């Protein structure tokens, strides 16, 4: 956890903006995974989870770009 303590102001701001997105999606994934039978964990469900993670990454990039745009860096 040393890295978390050494975050720059920009990293901290971005982390705080992303945290609700991560928590919300984490809850959705936990609910979806917990509701599946053992035999349903992989296959179609696996690809759904991967898609959700991909979408979350895209949202994180969008948020980072928006913050930079606000500062006139993009």
Protein backbone atom coordinates (compact mmCIF):
# COMPACT_ATOMS: atom_id res chain seq x y z
CA UNK A 1 0.00 0.00 0.00
CA UNK A 2 2.99 2.34 -0.10
CA UNK A 3 2.16 3.34 -3.65
CA UNK A 4 -1.25 4.64 -2.56
CA UNK A 5 0.39 6.90 0.02
CA UNK A 6 2.66 8.40 -2.64
CA UNK A 7 -0.05 9.39 -5.10
CA UNK A 8 0.27 12.74 -6.84
CA UNK A 9 -2.58 15.23 -6.59
CA UNK A 10 -3.66 14.36 -10.13
CA UNK A 11 -3.63 10.63 -9.38
CA UNK A 12 -5.66 11.19 -6.23
CA UNK A 13 -8.23 13.34 -8.05
CA UNK A 14 -8.63 10.78 -10.82
CA UNK A 15 -8.83 7.92 -8.31
CA UNK A 16 -11.60 9.69 -6.40
CA UNK A 17 -13.54 10.26 -9.62
CA UNK A 18 -13.13 6.63 -10.70
CA UNK A 19 -13.84 5.00 -7.35
CA UNK A 20 -17.66 5.19 -7.64
CA UNK A 21 -17.50 3.65 -11.13
CA UNK A 22 -15.32 0.80 -9.90
CA UNK A 23 -17.46 0.18 -6.84
CA UNK A 24 -20.70 0.19 -8.84
CA UNK A 25 -19.35 -2.19 -11.45
CA UNK A 26 -17.74 -4.37 -8.79
CA UNK A 27 -21.11 -4.81 -7.12
CA UNK A 28 -22.76 -5.66 -10.45
CA UNK A 29 -20.09 -8.24 -11.24
CA UNK A 30 -20.25 -9.76 -7.77
CA UNK A 31 -24.02 -10.09 -8.04
CA UNK A 32 -23.80 -11.59 -11.53
CA UNK A 33 -21.07 -14.04 -10.56
CA UNK A 34 -22.71 -15.08 -7.30
CA UNK A 35 -25.99 -15.80 -9.09
CA UNK A 36 -24.43 -18.25 -11.53
CA UNK A 37 -24.24 -21.98 -11.01
CA UNK A 38 -20.79 -23.54 -11.06
CA UNK A 39 -21.43 -24.83 -14.56
CA UNK A 40 -22.32 -21.30 -15.75
CA UNK A 41 -19.27 -19.50 -14.38
CA UNK A 42 -17.29 -19.76 -17.61
CA UNK A 43 -18.42 -19.63 -21.21
CA UNK A 44 -20.96 -16.90 -21.97
CA UNK A 45 -20.72 -15.47 -18.45
CA UNK A 46 -16.94 -15.22 -18.76
CA UNK A 47 -17.29 -13.07 -21.87
CA UNK A 48 -19.91 -10.89 -20.20
CA UNK A 49 -17.51 -10.20 -17.32
CA UNK A 50 -14.71 -9.42 -19.77
CA UNK A 51 -16.97 -7.02 -21.65
CA UNK A 52 -17.85 -5.26 -18.40
CA UNK A 53 -14.19 -4.87 -17.49
CA UNK A 54 -13.45 -3.54 -20.97
CA UNK A 55 -16.30 -1.01 -20.67
CA UNK A 56 -15.02 0.04 -17.26
CA UNK A 57 -11.57 0.67 -18.74
CA UNK A 58 -13.10 2.77 -21.50
CA UNK A 59 -15.00 4.82 -18.92
CA UNK A 60 -11.77 5.33 -16.94
CA UNK A 61 -9.98 6.58 -20.07
CA UNK A 62 -12.87 8.91 -20.82
CA UNK A 63 -12.75 10.34 -17.30
CA UNK A 64 -8.98 10.86 -17.53
CA UNK A 65 -9.37 12.63 -20.87
CA UNK A 66 -12.16 14.82 -19.48
CA UNK A 67 -9.99 15.87 -16.54
CA UNK A 68 -7.11 16.75 -18.86
CA UNK A 69 -9.45 18.65 -21.15
CA UNK A 70 -10.64 20.73 -18.19
CA UNK A 71 -7.00 21.68 -17.61
CA UNK A 72 -6.43 22.47 -21.29
CA UNK A 73 -4.05 19.55 -21.77
CA UNK A 74 -6.10 17.71 -24.42
